[in-house]
Amino acid sequence: MRYVLVCPDDFLFRLLRGAPTQGEPPLYIVEGRALRARIARRGGAAMAGSLEDPALYRRAFRNGRETALVAVPLARRERILEALRAAAPQAPLVVLKDDARALDPAVASATALPTAAIAERVIQPELERAALRARADRLRAHFAAAERLLIMMQDDPDPDAIASALALRAFLGRNKASAPIATFGGVTRPENRALVKILEIEVEEIKARAIDDYDMIAMVDVQPSFFEERFGTVDLVIDHHPEEGPVRAHFKDIRPAYGATSTIMTEYLRAAEVKITQKLATALLYGIKSDTLHLERGGTKADMEAFAFLYMLANHNALRRIERPELPNEALEVLALGISRRQLVQGVLFSHLGPIAHVDLIPQFADFFLQVEGVEWSVLSGIVGGELHISVRNVGYLRSAGEVVRAAFGDLGGAGGHRAMAKAVIRLKEWRADVGEASADAIQHGIMERFLRALKG
């Protein structure tokens, strides 16, 4: 089926020329033979005549059911629509309009398309893409002189961080030798280990002194204030977490409204027209899925657009293997302990797991306990290597988890996060200095007391 495009001049032809179409090329209805001839010379099909004459439309429409797009002056719109409807009463009509006047209800099957919608859906995205492309060019120019670039992630990086680091390396046209992906801590969570294993992503665990071996440093999904190690001014920070403090960087792109840093990196790759391999698409898609809980937690329009774009490029067999990693037997014992220690107070489920081998079990079980009936918040804690780790989850429509966790534990250690998920990491010696006893019962009681006070505040 072809479309019929009605406009006195060649505005629609210039707007839509070269746009992909399904079926036959559109037929342009214009006023003036010279204009019809000009469109024809440029490869378009056109008819000319008075737009207020039903006879013109009887010649244009083959079966009277073709969809017509009408872009005409307001003063003539009703007369033109009446003529068109007289010739093709069953044709679906789309009317491009930039005024507030409603369409005549007598004109059946007519849909109004505000010109503002074109600006929102076409022009604005292109302006944003152009600005991002210019920024991408500046970033590439900045890093071009660096012989060795270090791409840093947080300790025990999550899928969003790993995928974003891989994307930054691809964006800069680097390889693992000239731009290693590194962390001060290892990758511990089962699904994260499955990610790097199945997609063959090399993550280096380095010491703080190693940063002096690199010409430039970039950080993804993390900010310098997160680290205990002191950094000077780094070259780049790309993150979606709220700014915890002044970020000293030559370039920074921090977007707390976004659900994942992987979304930001997907936008950079598309703006710079970098080929996204299946491996990279799979990592980025999983980064978005994991940080937004399949777009259910903190997902924005940008996250959804990136998700849809990557979905067609990703390896979904690999994704299924990553998302269902093997659960070690000892994890079941930890879960049993957590269930036995659970306390539900005012919709908040608390459980302290005590000393555990893998820190990743704490956020995993925080997600799990959120499924319990009557639970709106889950607060799980455990001790790993002399530190108290606290993971917090909520159902998403309550107070920001990050704000509550900062209010509850920010004076003792690192604390923060998003609306629906947050964490705190506190050295046991700091906990003992403030709270006193560090037995399992005392820790759980102390966490409950602080968290509930912050929640009410």
Protein backbone atom coordinates (compact mmCIF):
# COMPACT_ATOMS: atom_id res chain seq x y z
CA MET A 1 0.00 0.00 0.00
CA ARG A 2 1.18 3.50 -0.79
CA TYR A 3 0.65 6.65 1.27
CA VAL A 4 -0.89 9.86 -0.05
CA LEU A 5 0.84 13.02 1.18
CA VAL A 6 -1.06 16.29 0.79
CA CYS A 7 0.74 19.63 1.00
CA PRO A 8 0.54 22.84 -1.10
CA ASP A 9 4.32 22.99 -1.49
CA ASP A 10 7.20 20.51 -1.37
CA PHE A 11 7.61 20.62 2.45
CA LEU A 12 6.62 16.97 2.96
CA PHE A 13 8.75 15.88 0.03
CA ARG A 14 11.82 17.59 1.47
CA LEU A 15 11.03 16.30 4.96
CA LEU A 16 10.49 12.67 3.96
CA ARG A 17 12.71 12.32 0.90
CA GLY A 18 15.01 9.35 1.34
CA ALA A 19 13.08 7.98 4.33
CA PRO A 20 12.60 4.18 4.15
CA THR A 21 9.10 3.10 3.15
CA GLN A 22 7.25 -0.20 3.08
CA GLY A 23 5.59 -1.03 -0.22
CA GLU A 24 5.29 1.59 -2.95
CA PRO A 25 6.81 5.07 -2.72
CA PRO A 26 4.34 7.72 -1.49
CA LEU A 27 2.29 9.90 -3.81
CA TYR A 28 2.66 13.65 -3.24
CA ILE A 29 -0.38 15.87 -3.87
CA VAL A 30 0.73 19.49 -4.48
CA GLU A 31 -0.49 22.69 -6.08
CA GLY A 32 1.23 23.79 -9.27
CA ARG A 33 2.54 21.87 -12.26
CA ALA A 34 6.05 23.28 -11.88
CA LEU A 35 6.22 21.89 -8.36
CA ARG A 36 4.95 18.49 -9.52
CA ALA A 37 7.60 18.46 -12.25
CA ARG A 38 10.37 19.35 -9.76
CA ILE A 39 9.36 16.48 -7.47
CA ALA A 40 9.27 14.13 -10.44
CA ARG A 41 12.77 15.18 -11.57
CA ARG A 42 14.00 14.26 -8.07
CA GLY A 43 12.50 10.80 -8.26
CA GLY A 44 9.16 11.35 -6.51
CA ALA A 45 5.65 10.52 -7.68
CA ALA A 46 3.35 13.54 -7.66
CA MET A 47 0.02 14.94 -8.82
CA ALA A 48 -0.91 18.62 -9.04
CA GLY A 49 -4.18 20.50 -8.80
CA SER A 50 -6.42 22.41 -6.43
CA LEU A 51 -6.28 20.84 -2.98
CA GLU A 52 -9.91 21.83 -2.45
CA ASP A 53 -11.12 19.86 -5.50
CA PRO A 54 -12.45 16.34 -4.74
CA ALA A 55 -11.68 15.33 -8.34
CA LEU A 56 -7.95 15.55 -7.63
CA TYR A 57 -8.27 13.00 -4.82
CA ARG A 58 -10.46 10.69 -6.90
CA ARG A 59 -7.56 10.42 -9.33
CA ALA A 60 -5.00 10.03 -6.53
CA PHE A 61 -6.68 7.27 -4.51
CA ARG A 62 -6.83 3.81 -6.02
CA ASN A 63 -9.16 2.09 -3.57
CA GLY A 64 -10.06 4.94 -1.23
CA ARG A 65 -8.44 3.25 1.77
CA GLU A 66 -4.87 4.50 1.47
CA THR A 67 -3.62 6.46 4.49
CA ALA A 68 -3.20 10.18 3.84
CA LEU A 69 -0.94 12.69 5.64
CA VAL A 70 -2.24 16.26 5.36
CA ALA A 71 -0.04 19.32 6.05
CA VAL A 72 -1.93 22.43 4.98
CA PRO A 73 -2.52 25.99 6.28
CA LEU A 74 -5.06 26.36 9.07
CA ALA A 75 -7.21 28.76 7.02
CA ARG A 76 -7.76 26.10 4.34
CA ARG A 77 -7.66 22.96 6.43
CA GLU A 78 -11.38 22.30 6.86
CA ARG A 79 -12.14 22.84 3.14
CA ILE A 80 -9.30 20.58 2.05
CA LEU A 81 -10.31 17.86 4.50
CA GLU A 82 -13.91 18.06 3.29
CA ALA A 83 -12.78 17.63 -0.32
CA LEU A 84 -10.52 14.73 0.57
CA ARG A 85 -13.20 13.03 2.62
CA ALA A 86 -15.74 13.47 -0.18
CA ALA A 87 -13.45 11.56 -2.55
CA ALA A 88 -12.19 8.94 -0.06
CA PRO A 89 -14.60 8.67 2.90
CA GLN A 90 -12.89 5.55 4.31
CA ALA A 91 -9.27 6.72 4.05
CA PRO A 92 -7.43 7.05 7.40
CA LEU A 93 -6.22 10.64 7.77
CA VAL A 94 -3.28 12.05 9.75
CA VAL A 95 -3.33 15.83 10.01
CA LEU A 96 -0.12 17.70 10.83
CA LYS A 97 -1.08 20.75 12.89
CA ASP A 98 0.70 23.41 14.93
CA ASP A 99 -2.37 25.12 16.39
CA ALA A 100 -4.57 24.39 19.40
CA ARG A 101 -7.81 24.15 17.44
CA ALA A 102 -9.37 20.68 17.52
CA LEU A 103 -10.12 18.87 14.29
CA ASP A 104 -13.69 19.06 13.01
CA PRO A 105 -15.45 16.01 14.55
CA ALA A 106 -17.32 15.63 11.26
CA VAL A 107 -14.05 14.56 9.63
CA ALA A 108 -14.09 10.85 10.47
CA SER A 109 -10.98 8.70 10.99
CA ALA A 110 -8.71 11.74 11.35
CA THR A 111 -5.74 11.72 13.75
CA ALA A 112 -4.04 14.96 14.78
CA LEU A 113 -0.23 14.95 14.75
CA PRO A 114 1.14 18.07 16.52
CA THR A 115 4.29 19.47 14.98
CA ALA A 116 5.69 19.47 18.52
CA ALA A 117 5.64 15.67 18.34
CA ILE A 118 8.04 15.80 15.38
CA ALA A 119 10.35 18.04 17.38
CA GLU A 120 10.17 15.71 20.37
CA ARG A 121 10.59 12.43 18.49
CA VAL A 122 12.88 13.47 15.65
CA ILE A 123 14.56 16.85 16.06
CA GLN A 124 15.30 16.79 19.80
CA PRO A 125 16.89 13.29 19.75
CA GLU A 126 19.06 14.34 16.82
CA LEU A 127 20.17 17.50 18.61
CA GLU A 128 21.08 15.44 21.68
CA ARG A 129 22.89 12.89 19.52
CA ALA A 130 24.86 15.64 17.80
CA ALA A 131 25.90 17.10 21.16
CA LEU A 132 26.91 13.65 22.41
CA ARG A 133 28.86 13.01 19.19
CA ALA A 134 30.81 16.23 19.73
CA ARG A 135 31.52 15.20 23.33
CA ALA A 136 32.59 11.76 22.12
CA ASP A 137 35.07 13.39 19.73
CA ARG A 138 36.54 15.45 22.58
CA LEU A 139 36.91 12.37 24.77
CA ARG A 140 38.67 10.43 22.05
CA ALA A 141 41.01 13.33 21.37
CA HIS A 142 41.85 13.59 25.08
CA PHE A 143 42.77 9.91 25.41
CA ALA A 144 44.57 9.62 22.06
CA ALA A 145 47.95 10.59 23.55
CA ALA A 146 47.82 8.01 26.37
CA GLU A 147 49.99 4.98 25.74
CA ARG A 148 48.44 3.13 28.69
CA LEU A 149 44.96 3.84 30.02
CA LEU A 150 43.52 2.31 33.19
CA ILE A 151 39.75 1.72 33.26
CA MET A 152 38.76 1.47 36.93
CA MET A 153 35.66 -0.09 38.46
CA GLN A 154 34.51 -0.38 42.06
CA ASP A 155 35.67 -3.23 44.29
CA ASP A 156 33.75 -6.39 43.43
CA PRO A 157 32.27 -4.83 40.27
CA ASP A 158 28.73 -5.61 39.16
CA PRO A 159 27.54 -6.36 35.59
CA ASP A 160 26.78 -2.71 34.88
CA ALA A 161 30.34 -1.71 35.75
CA ILE A 162 31.95 -4.57 33.81
CA ALA A 163 29.84 -3.93 30.71
CA SER A 164 30.46 -0.17 30.87
CA ALA A 165 34.22 -0.70 31.15
CA LEU A 166 34.15 -3.02 28.14
CA ALA A 167 32.09 -0.44 26.22
CA LEU A 168 34.48 2.40 27.08
CA ARG A 169 37.41 0.38 25.78
CA ALA A 170 35.54 -0.30 22.52
CA PHE A 171 34.49 3.35 22.27
CA LEU A 172 38.13 4.48 22.56
CA GLY A 173 39.31 1.82 20.08
CA ARG A 174 41.61 0.21 22.66
CA ASN A 175 42.50 -3.39 23.49
CA LYS A 176 43.18 -5.16 26.79
CA ALA A 177 46.89 -4.40 26.57
CA SER A 178 46.56 -0.62 26.17
CA ALA A 179 43.45 -0.25 28.34
CA PRO A 180 43.04 -2.98 30.97
CA ILE A 181 39.81 -3.21 32.96
CA ALA A 182 40.71 -3.24 36.65
CA THR A 183 39.43 -3.29 40.21
CA PHE A 184 41.03 -3.25 43.65
CA GLY A 185 38.81 -6.20 44.59
CA GLY A 186 37.92 -9.42 42.82
CA VAL A 187 34.71 -10.44 41.09
CA THR A 188 32.82 -12.59 43.60
CA ARG A 189 29.08 -12.81 42.90
CA PRO A 190 28.18 -16.00 40.99
CA GLU A 191 26.38 -14.25 38.12
CA ASN A 192 29.22 -11.73 37.80
CA ARG A 193 31.79 -14.51 37.65
CA ALA A 194 29.61 -16.23 35.07
CA LEU A 195 29.49 -12.99 33.05
CA VAL A 196 33.27 -12.60 32.80
CA LYS A 197 33.77 -16.33 32.20
CA ILE A 198 31.13 -16.88 29.51
CA LEU A 199 31.89 -13.64 27.65
CA GLU A 200 35.67 -13.99 28.22
CA ILE A 201 36.13 -10.56 29.78
CA GLU A 202 39.46 -10.12 31.55
CA VAL A 203 39.21 -8.16 34.79
CA GLU A 204 42.51 -7.42 36.53
CA GLU A 205 42.76 -7.15 40.30
CA ILE A 206 45.42 -4.52 41.02
CA LYS A 207 47.04 -2.79 43.99
CA ALA A 208 46.82 0.93 44.64
CA ARG A 209 50.47 1.47 43.77
CA ALA A 210 49.83 0.17 40.24
CA ILE A 211 47.89 3.28 39.22
CA ASP A 212 51.17 5.18 38.86
CA ASP A 213 52.05 2.89 35.93
CA TYR A 214 49.34 4.41 33.74
CA ASP A 215 49.24 7.64 31.77
CA MET A 216 45.52 8.25 32.27
CA ILE A 217 42.68 6.90 34.43
CA ALA A 218 39.01 6.55 33.58
CA MET A 219 36.30 5.42 36.02
CA VAL A 220 32.98 3.84 35.07
CA ASP A 221 29.97 3.20 37.33
CA VAL A 222 31.94 4.62 40.25
CA GLN A 223 33.37 7.92 41.51
CA PRO A 224 36.74 8.67 43.15
CA SER A 225 35.07 9.26 46.53
CA PHE A 226 34.03 5.60 46.63
CA PHE A 227 37.62 4.44 47.03
CA GLU A 228 39.68 4.43 50.18
CA GLU A 229 42.70 4.84 47.92
CA ARG A 230 43.43 8.46 47.14
CA PHE A 231 43.25 9.59 43.53
CA GLY A 232 44.27 12.94 42.19
CA THR A 233 42.36 14.41 39.28
CA VAL A 234 41.30 11.52 37.06
CA ASP A 235 40.66 11.91 33.36
CA LEU A 236 37.10 10.64 33.09
CA VAL A 237 34.17 9.63 35.30
CA ILE A 238 31.03 8.12 33.75
CA ASP A 239 28.42 7.06 36.30
CA HIS A 240 24.71 6.94 37.06
CA HIS A 241 24.96 7.14 40.85
CA PRO A 242 24.30 10.48 42.60
CA GLU A 243 27.37 12.65 43.07
CA GLU A 244 28.70 11.92 46.57
CA GLY A 245 31.06 14.88 46.59
CA PRO A 246 33.11 17.07 44.27
CA VAL A 247 34.32 14.86 41.41
CA ARG A 248 37.79 15.87 40.32
CA ALA A 249 38.00 14.84 36.68
CA HIS A 250 38.89 16.44 33.35
CA PHE A 251 35.64 15.02 31.98
CA LYS A 252 32.64 13.75 33.90
CA ASP A 253 29.26 12.48 32.78
CA ILE A 254 27.11 11.69 35.82
CA ARG A 255 23.41 11.05 35.22
CA PRO A 256 21.56 9.95 38.39
CA ALA A 257 18.25 9.83 36.51
CA TYR A 258 19.52 6.91 34.41
CA GLY A 259 18.98 3.35 35.59
CA ALA A 260 22.38 2.07 34.43
CA THR A 261 25.78 3.33 33.32
CA SER A 262 25.47 0.77 30.49
CA THR A 263 22.73 2.97 29.05
CA ILE A 264 25.06 5.99 28.98
CA MET A 265 27.77 3.94 27.27
CA THR A 266 25.31 2.59 24.70
CA GLU A 267 24.43 6.17 23.81
CA TYR A 268 28.13 7.03 23.36
CA LEU A 269 28.70 4.00 21.14
CA ARG A 270 25.70 4.82 18.95
CA ALA A 271 26.56 8.52 18.72
CA ALA A 272 30.12 7.67 17.65
CA GLU A 273 28.82 4.94 15.28
CA VAL A 274 31.01 2.28 16.89
CA LYS A 275 30.18 -1.26 15.83
CA ILE A 276 28.67 -3.08 18.81
CA THR A 277 29.67 -6.73 18.75
CA GLN A 278 27.42 -9.51 20.02
CA LYS A 279 29.66 -9.93 23.06
CA LEU A 280 29.49 -6.23 23.95
CA ALA A 281 25.73 -6.05 23.33
CA THR A 282 25.19 -9.05 25.60
CA ALA A 283 27.23 -7.48 28.39
CA LEU A 284 25.50 -4.09 28.09
CA LEU A 285 22.04 -5.64 27.95
CA TYR A 286 22.76 -7.64 31.09
CA GLY A 287 24.17 -4.51 32.75
CA ILE A 288 20.89 -2.69 32.16
CA LYS A 289 18.77 -5.70 33.17
CA SER A 290 20.65 -6.27 36.42
CA ASP A 291 20.74 -2.63 37.57
CA THR A 292 17.08 -1.94 36.72
CA LEU A 293 15.62 -5.37 37.60
CA HIS A 294 14.48 -5.88 34.01
CA LEU A 295 13.46 -2.18 33.73
CA GLU A 296 11.19 -2.49 36.79
CA ARG A 297 13.46 -0.47 39.11
CA GLY A 298 14.60 3.00 38.11
CA GLY A 299 14.27 2.43 34.36
CA THR A 300 13.90 5.54 32.21
CA LYS A 301 12.98 6.11 28.57
CA ALA A 302 16.69 6.16 27.77
CA ASP A 303 17.16 2.78 29.48
CA MET A 304 14.24 1.31 27.55
CA GLU A 305 15.56 2.61 24.23
CA ALA A 306 19.03 1.22 24.90
CA PHE A 307 17.52 -2.08 26.05
CA ALA A 308 15.44 -2.40 22.86
CA PHE A 309 18.43 -1.56 20.67
CA LEU A 310 20.75 -4.06 22.39
CA TYR A 311 18.13 -6.80 22.61
CA MET A 312 18.36 -7.54 18.88
CA LEU A 313 22.17 -7.74 18.99
CA ALA A 314 22.71 -9.84 22.14
CA ASN A 315 23.36 -13.55 22.56
CA HIS A 316 20.35 -14.67 24.59
CA ASN A 317 21.64 -18.20 25.11
CA ALA A 318 24.68 -16.72 26.84
CA LEU A 319 22.42 -14.42 28.86
CA ARG A 320 20.40 -17.35 30.19
CA ARG A 321 23.59 -19.09 31.30
CA ILE A 322 24.82 -15.91 33.03
CA GLU A 323 21.54 -15.25 34.84
CA ARG A 324 21.28 -18.77 36.23
CA PRO A 325 24.72 -19.44 37.76
CA GLU A 326 25.37 -22.39 40.01
CA LEU A 327 24.60 -21.75 43.68
CA PRO A 328 27.22 -23.20 46.05
CA ASN A 329 25.99 -25.54 48.80
CA GLU A 330 27.28 -23.25 51.55
CA ALA A 331 24.96 -20.52 50.29
CA LEU A 332 21.98 -22.63 51.36
CA GLU A 333 23.35 -22.80 54.89
CA VAL A 334 23.73 -19.01 54.96
CA LEU A 335 20.18 -18.62 53.65
CA ALA A 336 18.87 -20.98 56.35
CA LEU A 337 20.65 -18.91 59.00
CA GLY A 338 19.21 -15.71 57.55
CA ILE A 339 15.69 -17.14 57.62
CA SER A 340 16.07 -18.24 61.24
CA ARG A 341 17.30 -14.79 62.32
CA ARG A 342 14.75 -12.73 60.40
CA GLN A 343 12.75 -10.06 62.22
CA LEU A 344 9.87 -8.19 60.58
CA VAL A 345 9.23 -4.75 62.10
CA GLN A 346 6.83 -2.22 60.56
CA GLY A 347 7.20 -3.70 57.09
CA VAL A 348 11.02 -3.91 57.33
CA LEU A 349 12.65 -7.35 57.38
CA PHE A 350 16.01 -7.46 59.15
CA SER A 351 18.46 -10.35 59.22
CA HIS A 352 22.14 -10.51 60.14
CA LEU A 353 24.04 -13.37 58.48
CA GLY A 354 27.17 -13.14 60.62
CA PRO A 355 30.60 -13.93 59.11
CA ILE A 356 30.28 -15.13 55.51
CA ALA A 357 32.75 -16.07 52.78
CA HIS A 358 31.13 -14.27 49.85
CA VAL A 359 29.90 -10.68 50.16
CA ASP A 360 27.66 -11.18 47.13
CA LEU A 361 25.27 -13.34 49.16
CA ILE A 362 24.11 -10.30 51.15
CA PRO A 363 22.51 -8.37 48.24
CA GLN A 364 21.28 -11.64 46.73
CA PHE A 365 19.36 -12.51 49.88
CA ALA A 366 18.21 -8.90 50.31
CA ASP A 367 16.47 -9.28 46.94
CA PHE A 368 15.11 -12.68 48.00
CA PHE A 369 13.65 -11.48 51.31
CA LEU A 370 11.86 -8.62 49.58
CA GLN A 371 9.48 -11.25 48.19
CA VAL A 372 8.16 -12.16 51.66
CA GLU A 373 4.54 -11.22 52.27
CA GLY A 374 4.15 -7.89 54.07
CA VAL A 375 7.75 -6.81 53.44
CA GLU A 376 8.34 -3.35 51.96
CA TRP A 377 12.01 -3.10 52.95
CA SER A 378 14.67 -5.78 53.40
CA VAL A 379 17.86 -5.02 55.34
CA LEU A 380 20.44 -7.81 55.22
CA SER A 381 23.86 -7.64 56.79
CA GLY A 382 26.97 -9.77 57.12
CA ILE A 383 30.64 -9.58 58.06
CA VAL A 384 33.35 -10.02 55.43
CA GLY A 385 37.03 -9.44 56.12
CA GLY A 386 36.62 -7.19 59.16
CA GLU A 387 33.87 -5.11 57.56
CA LEU A 388 30.13 -4.99 58.17
CA HIS A 389 28.24 -4.98 54.86
CA ILE A 390 24.59 -3.87 54.85
CA SER A 391 22.37 -4.27 51.76
CA VAL A 392 18.98 -2.57 51.58
CA ARG A 393 16.16 -3.11 49.11
CA ASN A 394 12.64 -1.70 48.90
CA VAL A 395 9.62 -2.15 46.65
CA GLY A 396 10.43 1.02 44.74
CA TYR A 397 7.62 3.46 45.55
CA LEU A 398 8.80 4.44 49.05
CA ARG A 399 11.46 6.83 50.31
CA SER A 400 14.80 6.65 48.55
CA ALA A 401 16.81 3.74 49.93
CA GLY A 402 20.03 5.68 49.31
CA GLU A 403 18.85 8.62 51.43
CA VAL A 404 17.71 6.38 54.30
CA VAL A 405 20.96 4.39 54.32
CA ARG A 406 23.08 7.55 54.30
CA ALA A 407 21.06 8.94 57.20
CA ALA A 408 21.31 5.67 59.13
CA PHE A 409 24.95 4.69 58.57
CA GLY A 410 26.74 7.54 56.78
CA ASP A 411 28.49 8.67 59.98
CA LEU A 412 30.11 5.23 60.39
CA GLY A 413 31.30 4.42 56.85
CA GLY A 414 30.48 4.47 53.16
CA ALA A 415 26.73 4.55 52.58
CA GLY A 416 24.40 5.40 49.69
CA GLY A 417 22.57 4.11 46.66
CA HIS A 418 19.42 4.53 44.60
CA ARG A 419 15.69 4.79 45.27
CA ALA A 420 15.13 1.03 45.52
CA MET A 421 18.57 -0.31 46.48
CA ALA A 422 21.44 0.85 48.66
CA LYS A 423 24.34 -0.38 50.75
CA ALA A 424 26.66 0.56 53.57
CA VAL A 425 30.15 -0.73 54.36
CA ILE A 426 31.44 -0.13 57.90
CA ARG A 427 34.67 -1.27 59.49
CA LEU A 428 33.98 -3.38 62.54
CA LYS A 429 36.29 -1.24 64.64
CA GLU A 430 34.20 1.83 63.75
CA TRP A 431 31.04 -0.07 64.65
CA ARG A 432 32.46 -1.16 68.02
CA ALA A 433 33.66 2.37 68.76
CA ASP A 434 30.16 3.76 68.23
CA VAL A 435 27.81 0.92 69.17
CA GLY A 436 29.96 -1.20 71.45
CA GLU A 437 29.25 -4.93 71.30
CA ALA A 438 29.65 -6.69 67.94
CA SER A 439 27.86 -9.98 68.61
CA ALA A 440 25.34 -11.10 65.99
CA ASP A 441 22.36 -10.08 68.14
CA ALA A 442 23.90 -6.73 69.04
CA ILE A 443 24.70 -5.93 65.41
CA GLN A 444 21.20 -6.80 64.25
CA HIS A 445 19.66 -4.75 67.05
CA GLY A 446 21.93 -1.80 66.29
CA ILE A 447 21.11 -1.90 62.59
CA MET A 448 17.40 -2.10 63.34
CA GLU A 449 17.54 0.84 65.74
CA ARG A 450 19.51 3.10 63.38
CA PHE A 451 17.56 2.15 60.26
CA LEU A 452 14.09 2.57 61.76
CA ARG A 453 15.09 5.93 63.25
CA ALA A 454 16.35 7.11 59.86
CA LEU A 455 13.23 5.77 58.14
CA LYS A 456 10.98 7.83 60.41
CA GLY A 457 13.13 10.92 60.15
